[in-house]
Amino acid sequence: MMKLKYALMMVLGVSVAANMIGCEAKDQAIGTAASKGEAVSKGDDHDHDHDDHKSANSLKEALEVIEKYRAEIKEAFSKKQPEDAHDALHKVGHSLESLTNLAGATTEEAKQSVKKAVDELFKCFGEMDDTLHGKTGKSYDEVGDRIDAALAVLKGMAK
């Protein structure tokens, strides 16, 4: 019974986190809503289709996609053109949505490690997105080490 309860809590947690970043209406900023604990996405009621961000089939594949978006985001911020990272910031959110299930963690400790790493990635990318929406956010330099640490946890599980 405890395992079922934990599984339901994980599904709920991932669902809430998935709604905090990714596709959103133009008038909502991810980080602001996320910091208030509000869901950002309203299902598929947004301004683009999903052909540009298909789901990964493995943790390794998802991490490769996230690394690609992270490189785009880092480059845009390093060139002092953070607006060029806008699409990648939203696409990375869709890739983050699948990480918990793809990690295949079997122990409670491993599940908590995955959850913590995914939550940290959502927070870091959301804080950068805030910058693009006129909110007080963070630059890549301010969150890069945290992103590296969270990705290292997940990469360790992908082996």
N, C-alpha and C. Protein backbone atom coordinates (compact mmCIF):
# COMPACT_ATOMS: atom_id res chain seq x y z
N MET A 1 0.82 -1.19 0.00
CA MET A 1 0.00 0.00 0.00
C MET A 1 0.86 1.25 0.00
N MET A 2 1.98 1.20 0.74
CA MET A 2 2.87 2.35 0.82
C MET A 2 3.49 2.64 -0.54
N LYS A 3 3.85 1.58 -1.29
CA LYS A 3 4.44 1.77 -2.62
C LYS A 3 3.43 2.43 -3.56
N LEU A 4 2.17 2.02 -3.49
CA LEU A 4 1.14 2.61 -4.33
C LEU A 4 0.95 4.08 -3.98
N LYS A 5 0.93 4.37 -2.70
CA LYS A 5 0.78 5.76 -2.25
C LYS A 5 1.95 6.60 -2.76
N TYR A 6 3.17 6.08 -2.65
CA TYR A 6 4.34 6.80 -3.12
C TYR A 6 4.27 7.00 -4.64
N ALA A 7 3.87 5.96 -5.37
CA ALA A 7 3.77 6.07 -6.83
C ALA A 7 2.77 7.14 -7.22
N LEU A 8 1.63 7.19 -6.54
CA LEU A 8 0.64 8.21 -6.85
C LEU A 8 1.16 9.61 -6.52
N MET A 9 1.91 9.72 -5.44
CA MET A 9 2.50 11.02 -5.09
C MET A 9 3.51 11.45 -6.13
N MET A 10 4.30 10.51 -6.65
CA MET A 10 5.29 10.82 -7.69
C MET A 10 4.60 11.28 -8.97
N VAL A 11 3.53 10.58 -9.37
CA VAL A 11 2.79 10.96 -10.57
C VAL A 11 2.22 12.35 -10.41
N LEU A 12 1.64 12.63 -9.26
CA LEU A 12 1.09 13.95 -9.00
C LEU A 12 2.19 15.00 -9.02
N GLY A 13 3.32 14.70 -8.39
CA GLY A 13 4.44 15.65 -8.36
C GLY A 13 4.97 15.95 -9.74
N VAL A 14 5.13 14.92 -10.56
CA VAL A 14 5.61 15.12 -11.93
C VAL A 14 4.59 15.92 -12.73
N SER A 15 3.31 15.62 -12.54
CA SER A 15 2.28 16.35 -13.27
C SER A 15 2.30 17.83 -12.92
N VAL A 16 2.44 18.13 -11.65
CA VAL A 16 2.50 19.52 -11.23
C VAL A 16 3.75 20.18 -11.79
N ALA A 17 4.89 19.50 -11.69
CA ALA A 17 6.14 20.06 -12.19
C ALA A 17 6.06 20.27 -13.70
N ALA A 18 5.46 19.33 -14.41
CA ALA A 18 5.34 19.46 -15.85
C ALA A 18 4.54 20.68 -16.25
N ASN A 19 3.60 21.06 -15.43
CA ASN A 19 2.79 22.22 -15.72
C ASN A 19 3.48 23.53 -15.37
N MET A 20 4.63 23.44 -14.71
CA MET A 20 5.32 24.65 -14.29
C MET A 20 6.29 25.18 -15.34
N ILE A 21 6.65 24.40 -16.31
CA ILE A 21 7.59 24.85 -17.33
C ILE A 21 7.20 24.21 -18.65
N GLY A 22 7.54 24.83 -19.71
CA GLY A 22 7.24 24.29 -21.02
C GLY A 22 6.24 25.16 -21.73
N CYS A 23 5.24 24.56 -22.34
CA CYS A 23 4.24 25.31 -23.08
C CYS A 23 3.43 26.17 -22.13
N GLU A 24 3.27 27.42 -22.46
CA GLU A 24 2.48 28.31 -21.63
C GLU A 24 1.90 29.42 -22.48
N ALA A 25 0.90 30.05 -21.97
CA ALA A 25 0.34 31.20 -22.65
C ALA A 25 1.37 32.31 -22.63
N LYS A 26 1.36 33.17 -23.67
CA LYS A 26 2.37 34.21 -23.77
C LYS A 26 2.36 35.16 -22.59
N ASP A 27 1.23 35.34 -21.96
CA ASP A 27 1.14 36.32 -20.89
C ASP A 27 1.52 35.79 -19.52
N GLN A 28 2.01 34.54 -19.43
CA GLN A 28 2.40 33.97 -18.15
C GLN A 28 3.89 33.67 -18.13
N ALA A 29 4.55 34.00 -17.09
CA ALA A 29 5.97 33.68 -16.95
C ALA A 29 6.10 32.44 -16.07
N ILE A 30 6.93 31.53 -16.50
CA ILE A 30 7.10 30.26 -15.79
C ILE A 30 7.53 30.46 -14.35
N GLY A 31 8.61 31.11 -14.16
CA GLY A 31 9.19 31.21 -12.83
C GLY A 31 8.28 31.88 -11.83
N THR A 32 7.57 32.92 -12.24
CA THR A 32 6.69 33.63 -11.32
C THR A 32 5.59 32.71 -10.83
N ALA A 33 4.93 32.04 -11.76
CA ALA A 33 3.86 31.13 -11.37
C ALA A 33 4.41 29.97 -10.56
N ALA A 34 5.55 29.44 -10.99
CA ALA A 34 6.14 28.30 -10.29
C ALA A 34 6.53 28.69 -8.86
N SER A 35 7.06 29.89 -8.71
CA SER A 35 7.48 30.31 -7.37
C SER A 35 6.29 30.51 -6.44
N LYS A 36 5.12 30.74 -7.02
CA LYS A 36 3.90 30.87 -6.22
C LYS A 36 3.20 29.54 -6.07
N GLY A 37 3.75 28.50 -6.70
CA GLY A 37 3.15 27.17 -6.61
C GLY A 37 1.95 27.01 -7.52
N GLU A 38 1.83 27.89 -8.53
CA GLU A 38 0.70 27.82 -9.44
C GLU A 38 1.08 27.03 -10.68
N ALA A 39 0.13 26.33 -11.25
CA ALA A 39 0.37 25.63 -12.50
C ALA A 39 0.39 26.66 -13.62
N VAL A 40 1.30 26.48 -14.57
CA VAL A 40 1.45 27.44 -15.65
C VAL A 40 0.69 27.00 -16.89
N SER A 41 0.88 25.77 -17.29
CA SER A 41 0.28 25.31 -18.54
C SER A 41 -1.21 25.05 -18.37
N LYS A 42 -1.94 25.29 -19.45
CA LYS A 42 -3.37 24.99 -19.46
C LYS A 42 -3.62 23.90 -20.50
N GLY A 43 -2.96 22.77 -20.31
CA GLY A 43 -3.12 21.67 -21.26
C GLY A 43 -2.54 22.04 -22.60
N ASP A 44 -3.29 21.81 -23.67
CA ASP A 44 -2.81 22.12 -25.00
C ASP A 44 -3.32 23.45 -25.51
N ASP A 45 -3.77 24.30 -24.63
CA ASP A 45 -4.29 25.61 -25.00
C ASP A 45 -3.15 26.63 -25.05
N HIS A 46 -2.27 26.46 -26.06
CA HIS A 46 -1.16 27.39 -26.19
C HIS A 46 -0.81 27.56 -27.65
N ASP A 47 0.19 28.39 -27.93
CA ASP A 47 0.40 28.91 -29.26
C ASP A 47 1.34 28.12 -30.17
N HIS A 48 1.52 26.82 -29.96
CA HIS A 48 2.32 26.04 -30.89
C HIS A 48 1.94 24.57 -30.80
N ASP A 49 2.43 23.81 -31.81
CA ASP A 49 2.14 22.38 -31.76
C ASP A 49 3.28 21.66 -31.08
N HIS A 50 3.16 20.35 -30.99
CA HIS A 50 4.15 19.57 -30.26
C HIS A 50 5.07 18.78 -31.16
N ASP A 51 5.08 19.05 -32.46
CA ASP A 51 5.95 18.32 -33.37
C ASP A 51 7.42 18.58 -33.10
N ASP A 52 7.73 19.74 -32.49
CA ASP A 52 9.12 20.11 -32.27
C ASP A 52 9.69 19.58 -30.97
N HIS A 53 8.92 18.86 -30.18
CA HIS A 53 9.47 18.31 -28.93
C HIS A 53 8.82 16.97 -28.60
N LYS A 54 9.23 15.95 -29.34
CA LYS A 54 8.72 14.61 -29.11
C LYS A 54 9.39 14.01 -27.87
N SER A 55 8.72 13.08 -27.24
CA SER A 55 9.22 12.47 -26.02
C SER A 55 10.40 11.54 -26.30
N ALA A 56 11.33 11.53 -25.37
CA ALA A 56 12.48 10.63 -25.45
C ALA A 56 12.04 9.23 -25.04
N ASN A 57 12.77 8.23 -25.52
CA ASN A 57 12.45 6.84 -25.19
C ASN A 57 13.33 6.27 -24.09
N SER A 58 14.39 6.99 -23.72
CA SER A 58 15.29 6.51 -22.67
C SER A 58 15.84 7.70 -21.91
N LEU A 59 16.36 7.43 -20.73
CA LEU A 59 16.97 8.49 -19.93
C LEU A 59 18.15 9.09 -20.68
N LYS A 60 18.95 8.24 -21.28
CA LYS A 60 20.13 8.71 -22.04
C LYS A 60 19.70 9.65 -23.16
N GLU A 61 18.68 9.27 -23.90
CA GLU A 61 18.18 10.10 -24.99
C GLU A 61 17.64 11.44 -24.48
N ALA A 62 16.89 11.42 -23.39
CA ALA A 62 16.35 12.65 -22.81
C ALA A 62 17.48 13.57 -22.36
N LEU A 63 18.51 13.01 -21.74
CA LEU A 63 19.63 13.82 -21.28
C LEU A 63 20.41 14.42 -22.45
N GLU A 64 20.51 13.69 -23.56
CA GLU A 64 21.17 14.23 -24.75
C GLU A 64 20.40 15.43 -25.29
N VAL A 65 19.09 15.35 -25.30
CA VAL A 65 18.25 16.46 -25.76
C VAL A 65 18.40 17.66 -24.82
N ILE A 66 18.37 17.38 -23.52
CA ILE A 66 18.51 18.45 -22.53
C ILE A 66 19.87 19.12 -22.66
N GLU A 67 20.91 18.34 -22.90
CA GLU A 67 22.26 18.90 -23.08
C GLU A 67 22.30 19.81 -24.31
N LYS A 68 21.61 19.42 -25.36
CA LYS A 68 21.56 20.24 -26.58
C LYS A 68 20.90 21.59 -26.27
N TYR A 69 19.76 21.55 -25.60
CA TYR A 69 19.07 22.79 -25.26
C TYR A 69 19.90 23.61 -24.27
N ARG A 70 20.54 22.95 -23.34
CA ARG A 70 21.36 23.66 -22.36
C ARG A 70 22.49 24.41 -23.06
N ALA A 71 23.12 23.79 -24.06
CA ALA A 71 24.19 24.44 -24.81
C ALA A 71 23.66 25.69 -25.53
N GLU A 72 22.48 25.59 -26.12
CA GLU A 72 21.88 26.75 -26.79
C GLU A 72 21.60 27.88 -25.79
N ILE A 73 21.08 27.51 -24.64
CA ILE A 73 20.75 28.49 -23.60
C ILE A 73 22.03 29.16 -23.08
N LYS A 74 23.02 28.36 -22.80
CA LYS A 74 24.29 28.88 -22.28
C LYS A 74 24.92 29.84 -23.29
N GLU A 75 24.93 29.46 -24.55
CA GLU A 75 25.51 30.30 -25.60
C GLU A 75 24.77 31.63 -25.71
N ALA A 76 23.46 31.59 -25.70
CA ALA A 76 22.67 32.82 -25.81
C ALA A 76 22.96 33.77 -24.65
N PHE A 77 23.01 33.22 -23.44
CA PHE A 77 23.29 34.06 -22.28
C PHE A 77 24.73 34.58 -22.30
N SER A 78 25.67 33.77 -22.76
CA SER A 78 27.07 34.21 -22.81
C SER A 78 27.27 35.31 -23.84
N LYS A 79 26.45 35.32 -24.89
CA LYS A 79 26.53 36.37 -25.91
C LYS A 79 25.72 37.61 -25.52
N LYS A 80 25.19 37.59 -24.30
CA LYS A 80 24.36 38.69 -23.80
C LYS A 80 23.11 38.88 -24.66
N GLN A 81 22.61 37.75 -25.19
CA GLN A 81 21.39 37.74 -25.99
C GLN A 81 20.44 36.67 -25.44
N PRO A 82 20.03 36.82 -24.18
CA PRO A 82 19.21 35.77 -23.56
C PRO A 82 17.90 35.51 -24.29
N GLU A 83 17.39 36.49 -25.01
CA GLU A 83 16.14 36.28 -25.74
C GLU A 83 16.29 35.17 -26.79
N ASP A 84 17.52 34.92 -27.25
CA ASP A 84 17.76 33.84 -28.19
C ASP A 84 17.58 32.46 -27.54
N ALA A 85 17.50 32.41 -26.24
CA ALA A 85 17.34 31.15 -25.51
C ALA A 85 15.88 30.81 -25.26
N HIS A 86 14.98 31.69 -25.64
CA HIS A 86 13.57 31.52 -25.28
C HIS A 86 12.99 30.18 -25.72
N ASP A 87 13.14 29.84 -26.98
CA ASP A 87 12.59 28.57 -27.46
C ASP A 87 13.22 27.38 -26.76
N ALA A 88 14.54 27.41 -26.61
CA ALA A 88 15.23 26.29 -25.96
C ALA A 88 14.79 26.15 -24.50
N LEU A 89 14.55 27.27 -23.82
CA LEU A 89 14.08 27.20 -22.43
C LEU A 89 12.73 26.50 -22.32
N HIS A 90 11.85 26.77 -23.26
CA HIS A 90 10.55 26.13 -23.22
C HIS A 90 10.63 24.66 -23.65
N LYS A 91 11.47 24.37 -24.63
CA LYS A 91 11.62 22.98 -25.08
C LYS A 91 12.28 22.11 -24.02
N VAL A 92 13.24 22.68 -23.29
CA VAL A 92 13.90 21.89 -22.26
C VAL A 92 12.89 21.47 -21.20
N GLY A 93 11.90 22.30 -20.96
CA GLY A 93 10.86 21.95 -19.99
C GLY A 93 10.11 20.69 -20.39
N HIS A 94 9.84 20.56 -21.67
CA HIS A 94 9.15 19.35 -22.15
C HIS A 94 10.03 18.12 -21.97
N SER A 95 11.31 18.28 -22.19
CA SER A 95 12.22 17.14 -22.00
C SER A 95 12.34 16.77 -20.52
N LEU A 96 12.30 17.76 -19.65
CA LEU A 96 12.39 17.49 -18.21
C LEU A 96 11.18 16.72 -17.71
N GLU A 97 10.04 16.91 -18.35
CA GLU A 97 8.80 16.26 -17.90
C GLU A 97 8.93 14.74 -17.83
N SER A 98 9.72 14.16 -18.71
CA SER A 98 9.79 12.69 -18.79
C SER A 98 10.89 12.08 -17.94
N LEU A 99 11.75 12.87 -17.35
CA LEU A 99 12.92 12.33 -16.67
C LEU A 99 12.62 11.39 -15.52
N THR A 100 11.65 11.71 -14.70
CA THR A 100 11.37 10.87 -13.54
C THR A 100 11.01 9.44 -13.95
N ASN A 101 10.16 9.31 -14.95
CA ASN A 101 9.77 7.98 -15.40
C ASN A 101 10.91 7.27 -16.13
N LEU A 102 11.66 8.01 -16.92
CA LEU A 102 12.74 7.39 -17.69
C LEU A 102 13.91 6.96 -16.81
N ALA A 103 14.07 7.59 -15.66
CA ALA A 103 15.19 7.24 -14.77
C ALA A 103 15.06 5.82 -14.25
N GLY A 104 13.86 5.32 -14.09
CA GLY A 104 13.65 3.95 -13.64
C GLY A 104 14.22 3.67 -12.26
N ALA A 105 14.21 4.66 -11.39
CA ALA A 105 14.73 4.47 -10.03
C ALA A 105 13.89 3.43 -9.30
N THR A 106 14.58 2.53 -8.60
CA THR A 106 13.86 1.45 -7.92
C THR A 106 13.87 1.60 -6.40
N THR A 107 14.86 2.23 -5.84
CA THR A 107 14.89 2.40 -4.39
C THR A 107 14.33 3.76 -4.02
N GLU A 108 13.88 3.89 -2.81
CA GLU A 108 13.35 5.18 -2.34
C GLU A 108 14.43 6.26 -2.42
N GLU A 109 15.65 5.91 -2.07
CA GLU A 109 16.75 6.87 -2.11
C GLU A 109 16.99 7.35 -3.54
N ALA A 110 16.98 6.42 -4.49
CA ALA A 110 17.19 6.78 -5.89
C ALA A 110 16.04 7.64 -6.41
N LYS A 111 14.82 7.30 -6.03
CA LYS A 111 13.66 8.09 -6.46
C LYS A 111 13.75 9.51 -5.93
N GLN A 112 14.16 9.65 -4.68
CA GLN A 112 14.31 10.99 -4.10
C GLN A 112 15.42 11.77 -4.79
N SER A 113 16.50 11.10 -5.15
CA SER A 113 17.60 11.76 -5.86
C SER A 113 17.14 12.27 -7.22
N VAL A 114 16.38 11.45 -7.93
CA VAL A 114 15.85 11.86 -9.24
C VAL A 114 14.91 13.05 -9.06
N LYS A 115 14.01 12.95 -8.11
CA LYS A 115 13.04 14.02 -7.89
C LYS A 115 13.75 15.33 -7.56
N LYS A 116 14.73 15.25 -6.69
CA LYS A 116 15.48 16.45 -6.30
C LYS A 116 16.21 17.06 -7.50
N ALA A 117 16.84 16.21 -8.32
CA ALA A 117 17.57 16.70 -9.50
C ALA A 117 16.62 17.33 -10.52
N VAL A 118 15.50 16.69 -10.78
CA VAL A 118 14.53 17.22 -11.74
C VAL A 118 13.93 18.53 -11.22
N ASP A 119 13.58 18.58 -9.95
CA ASP A 119 13.05 19.81 -9.37
C ASP A 119 14.06 20.95 -9.50
N GLU A 120 15.32 20.65 -9.26
CA GLU A 120 16.37 21.67 -9.37
C GLU A 120 16.49 22.17 -10.81
N LEU A 121 16.42 21.26 -11.77
CA LEU A 121 16.50 21.67 -13.18
C LEU A 121 15.31 22.55 -13.55
N PHE A 122 14.10 22.16 -13.15
CA PHE A 122 12.93 23.00 -13.41
C PHE A 122 13.13 24.40 -12.82
N LYS A 123 13.64 24.45 -11.60
CA LYS A 123 13.84 25.73 -10.93
C LYS A 123 14.88 26.58 -11.66
N CYS A 124 16.01 26.00 -12.00
CA CYS A 124 17.08 26.75 -12.68
C CYS A 124 16.64 27.29 -14.03
N PHE A 125 16.05 26.43 -14.85
CA PHE A 125 15.61 26.88 -16.16
C PHE A 125 14.46 27.88 -16.03
N GLY A 126 13.61 27.69 -15.04
CA GLY A 126 12.52 28.64 -14.79
C GLY A 126 13.04 30.01 -14.37
N GLU A 127 14.10 30.02 -13.56
CA GLU A 127 14.68 31.30 -13.13
C GLU A 127 15.28 32.05 -14.32
N MET A 128 15.87 31.33 -15.25
CA MET A 128 16.39 32.00 -16.46
C MET A 128 15.24 32.51 -17.32
N ASP A 129 14.16 31.74 -17.39
CA ASP A 129 13.01 32.15 -18.17
C ASP A 129 12.40 33.43 -17.61
N ASP A 130 12.42 33.57 -16.29
CA ASP A 130 11.92 34.80 -15.66
C ASP A 130 12.61 36.03 -16.25
N THR A 131 13.90 35.91 -16.47
CA THR A 131 14.68 37.01 -17.04
C THR A 131 14.09 37.47 -18.37
N LEU A 132 13.64 36.51 -19.16
CA LEU A 132 13.11 36.82 -20.49
C LEU A 132 11.72 37.43 -20.44
N HIS A 133 11.06 37.32 -19.32
CA HIS A 133 9.69 37.82 -19.19
C HIS A 133 9.63 39.06 -18.31
N GLY A 134 10.77 39.76 -18.20
CA GLY A 134 10.79 41.01 -17.46
C GLY A 134 10.72 40.87 -15.96
N LYS A 135 10.94 39.69 -15.48
CA LYS A 135 10.92 39.45 -14.03
C LYS A 135 12.36 39.40 -13.52
N THR A 136 12.51 39.45 -12.22
CA THR A 136 13.83 39.29 -11.63
C THR A 136 14.18 37.81 -11.72
N GLY A 137 15.11 37.49 -12.58
CA GLY A 137 15.50 36.11 -12.78
C GLY A 137 16.98 35.94 -12.61
N LYS A 138 17.50 34.91 -13.22
CA LYS A 138 18.92 34.60 -13.10
C LYS A 138 19.52 34.44 -14.49
N SER A 139 20.84 34.65 -14.55
CA SER A 139 21.58 34.39 -15.78
C SER A 139 22.07 32.95 -15.76
N TYR A 140 22.58 32.47 -16.89
CA TYR A 140 23.12 31.12 -16.92
C TYR A 140 24.27 30.99 -15.94
N ASP A 141 25.13 32.00 -15.87
CA ASP A 141 26.27 31.94 -14.96
C ASP A 141 25.84 31.74 -13.51
N GLU A 142 24.69 32.25 -13.16
CA GLU A 142 24.21 32.14 -11.78
C GLU A 142 23.65 30.76 -11.45
N VAL A 143 23.20 30.03 -12.45
CA VAL A 143 22.58 28.72 -12.20
C VAL A 143 23.32 27.56 -12.85
N GLY A 144 24.34 27.84 -13.63
CA GLY A 144 25.05 26.80 -14.38
C GLY A 144 25.61 25.68 -13.52
N ASP A 145 26.21 26.02 -12.37
CA ASP A 145 26.77 24.98 -11.49
C ASP A 145 25.67 24.08 -10.92
N ARG A 146 24.52 24.68 -10.63
CA ARG A 146 23.39 23.89 -10.11
C ARG A 146 22.86 22.96 -11.19
N ILE A 147 22.81 23.43 -12.43
CA ILE A 147 22.38 22.59 -13.54
C ILE A 147 23.35 21.43 -13.72
N ASP A 148 24.65 21.73 -13.69
CA ASP A 148 25.67 20.68 -13.84
C ASP A 148 25.50 19.60 -12.77
N ALA A 149 25.31 20.02 -11.53
CA ALA A 149 25.18 19.07 -10.42
C ALA A 149 23.93 18.19 -10.58
N ALA A 150 22.82 18.79 -10.96
CA ALA A 150 21.58 18.02 -11.14
C ALA A 150 21.73 17.04 -12.31
N LEU A 151 22.32 17.49 -13.39
CA LEU A 151 22.50 16.60 -14.54
C LEU A 151 23.48 15.46 -14.21
N ALA A 152 24.46 15.73 -13.39
CA ALA A 152 25.41 14.68 -13.01
C ALA A 152 24.70 13.55 -12.27
N VAL A 153 23.76 13.89 -11.42
CA VAL A 153 22.97 12.86 -10.70
C VAL A 153 22.24 11.99 -11.71
N LEU A 154 21.59 12.62 -12.67
CA LEU A 154 20.80 11.88 -13.65
C LEU A 154 21.67 11.08 -14.60
N LYS A 155 22.81 11.66 -14.99
CA LYS A 155 23.74 10.92 -15.86
C LYS A 155 24.26 9.67 -15.17
N GLY A 156 24.45 9.75 -13.88
CA GLY A 156 24.89 8.58 -13.13
C GLY A 156 23.89 7.45 -13.18
N MET A 157 22.64 7.79 -13.33
CA MET A 157 21.59 6.76 -13.41
C MET A 157 21.42 6.22 -14.83
N ALA A 158 21.94 6.95 -15.81
CA ALA A 158 21.78 6.57 -17.21
C ALA A 158 22.80 5.52 -17.65
N LYS A 159 23.75 5.22 -16.79
CA LYS A 159 24.82 4.27 -17.16
C LYS A 159 24.33 2.85 -17.11
